[in-house]
């Protein structure tokens, strides 16, 4: 079972998912610390992601304030990171 750390971002994704790769790259480029949950390596974590988002779409990005995005555009992620003063 994957535990969510409420002081960091958690990114649920898979290596075959283009949106996941894009969001992961964005966080890396911005130097934002996050926990990556690989749904290929940990298939049971997909249930956790679905429980959070109510959907089966990925990536699911969970923020320290317990809000989340599903399949976010880079601009959505950047706006949220600014709102949380993480960038």
Protein backbone atom coordinates (compact mmCIF):
# COMPACT_ATOMS: atom_id res chain seq x y z
CA UNK A 1 0.00 0.00 0.00
CA UNK A 2 1.29 3.42 -0.93
CA UNK A 3 1.19 6.05 1.78
CA UNK A 4 0.76 9.70 0.94
CA UNK A 5 3.16 12.11 2.55
CA UNK A 6 1.26 15.34 3.13
CA UNK A 7 4.34 17.56 2.91
CA UNK A 8 5.23 16.61 -0.64
CA UNK A 9 3.63 16.05 -4.03
CA UNK A 10 2.70 12.53 -5.06
CA UNK A 11 2.58 11.67 -8.75
CA UNK A 12 0.82 8.47 -9.78
CA UNK A 13 1.89 7.45 -13.27
CA UNK A 14 3.29 4.86 -15.65
CA UNK A 15 6.24 4.80 -18.02
CA UNK A 16 3.98 4.15 -21.04
CA UNK A 17 1.86 7.26 -20.34
CA UNK A 18 2.91 10.34 -22.33
CA UNK A 19 1.10 12.74 -19.98
CA UNK A 20 2.83 11.12 -17.00
CA UNK A 21 6.24 11.50 -18.63
CA UNK A 22 5.48 15.16 -19.45
CA UNK A 23 4.33 15.99 -15.90
CA UNK A 24 7.28 14.15 -14.35
CA UNK A 25 9.68 16.05 -16.63
CA UNK A 26 8.03 19.36 -15.69
CA UNK A 27 8.42 18.70 -11.96
CA UNK A 28 12.05 17.64 -12.50
CA UNK A 29 12.81 20.77 -14.53
CA UNK A 30 11.21 23.00 -11.90
CA UNK A 31 13.22 21.27 -9.17
CA UNK A 32 10.09 20.36 -7.24
CA UNK A 33 10.40 17.44 -4.84
CA UNK A 34 7.81 14.73 -5.34
CA UNK A 35 7.15 11.06 -4.75
CA UNK A 36 6.63 9.05 -7.92
CA UNK A 37 4.31 6.05 -7.67
CA UNK A 38 4.95 3.73 -10.61
CA UNK A 39 1.67 1.99 -11.35
CA UNK A 40 3.47 -0.63 -13.45
CA UNK A 41 5.73 -1.61 -10.55
CA UNK A 42 2.94 -1.25 -7.98
CA UNK A 43 -0.38 -2.10 -9.69
CA UNK A 44 -2.30 -1.97 -6.39
CA UNK A 45 -1.48 1.74 -6.20
CA UNK A 46 -3.84 2.24 -9.17
CA UNK A 47 -6.68 1.64 -6.71
CA UNK A 48 -5.29 4.41 -4.49
CA UNK A 49 -5.09 6.79 -7.46
CA UNK A 50 -8.64 5.92 -8.49
CA UNK A 51 -9.88 6.42 -4.94
CA UNK A 52 -8.32 9.90 -4.90
CA UNK A 53 -9.51 11.00 -8.34
CA UNK A 54 -12.65 8.94 -8.88
CA UNK A 55 -11.28 8.13 -12.33
CA UNK A 56 -8.87 5.68 -13.94
CA UNK A 57 -7.01 8.38 -15.90
CA UNK A 58 -3.37 9.13 -15.11
CA UNK A 59 -1.31 10.95 -14.13
CA UNK A 60 -2.88 11.85 -10.81
CA UNK A 61 -0.95 14.59 -9.04
CA UNK A 62 -1.72 14.99 -5.33
CA UNK A 63 -0.60 18.24 -3.72
CA UNK A 64 0.36 18.95 -0.09
CA UNK A 65 -2.99 20.68 0.49
CA UNK A 66 -4.77 17.39 -0.44
CA UNK A 67 -6.08 18.76 -3.74
CA UNK A 68 -5.30 16.88 -6.92
CA UNK A 69 -5.19 17.11 -10.69
CA UNK A 70 -5.96 14.34 -13.17
CA UNK A 71 -4.20 14.56 -16.54
CA UNK A 72 -3.21 18.18 -15.87
CA UNK A 73 -1.83 20.58 -18.43
CA UNK A 74 1.61 21.99 -17.57
CA UNK A 75 -0.01 25.38 -16.96
CA UNK A 76 -2.38 23.84 -14.36
CA UNK A 77 0.52 22.23 -12.50
CA UNK A 78 2.55 25.44 -12.61
CA UNK A 79 -0.38 27.53 -11.33
CA UNK A 80 -0.95 25.14 -8.44
CA UNK A 81 2.76 25.05 -7.55
CA UNK A 82 2.80 28.87 -7.49
CA UNK A 83 -0.36 28.94 -5.36
CA UNK A 84 1.36 26.65 -2.85
CA UNK A 85 4.60 28.70 -3.04
CA UNK A 86 6.54 25.64 -4.21
CA UNK A 87 8.09 27.51 -7.15
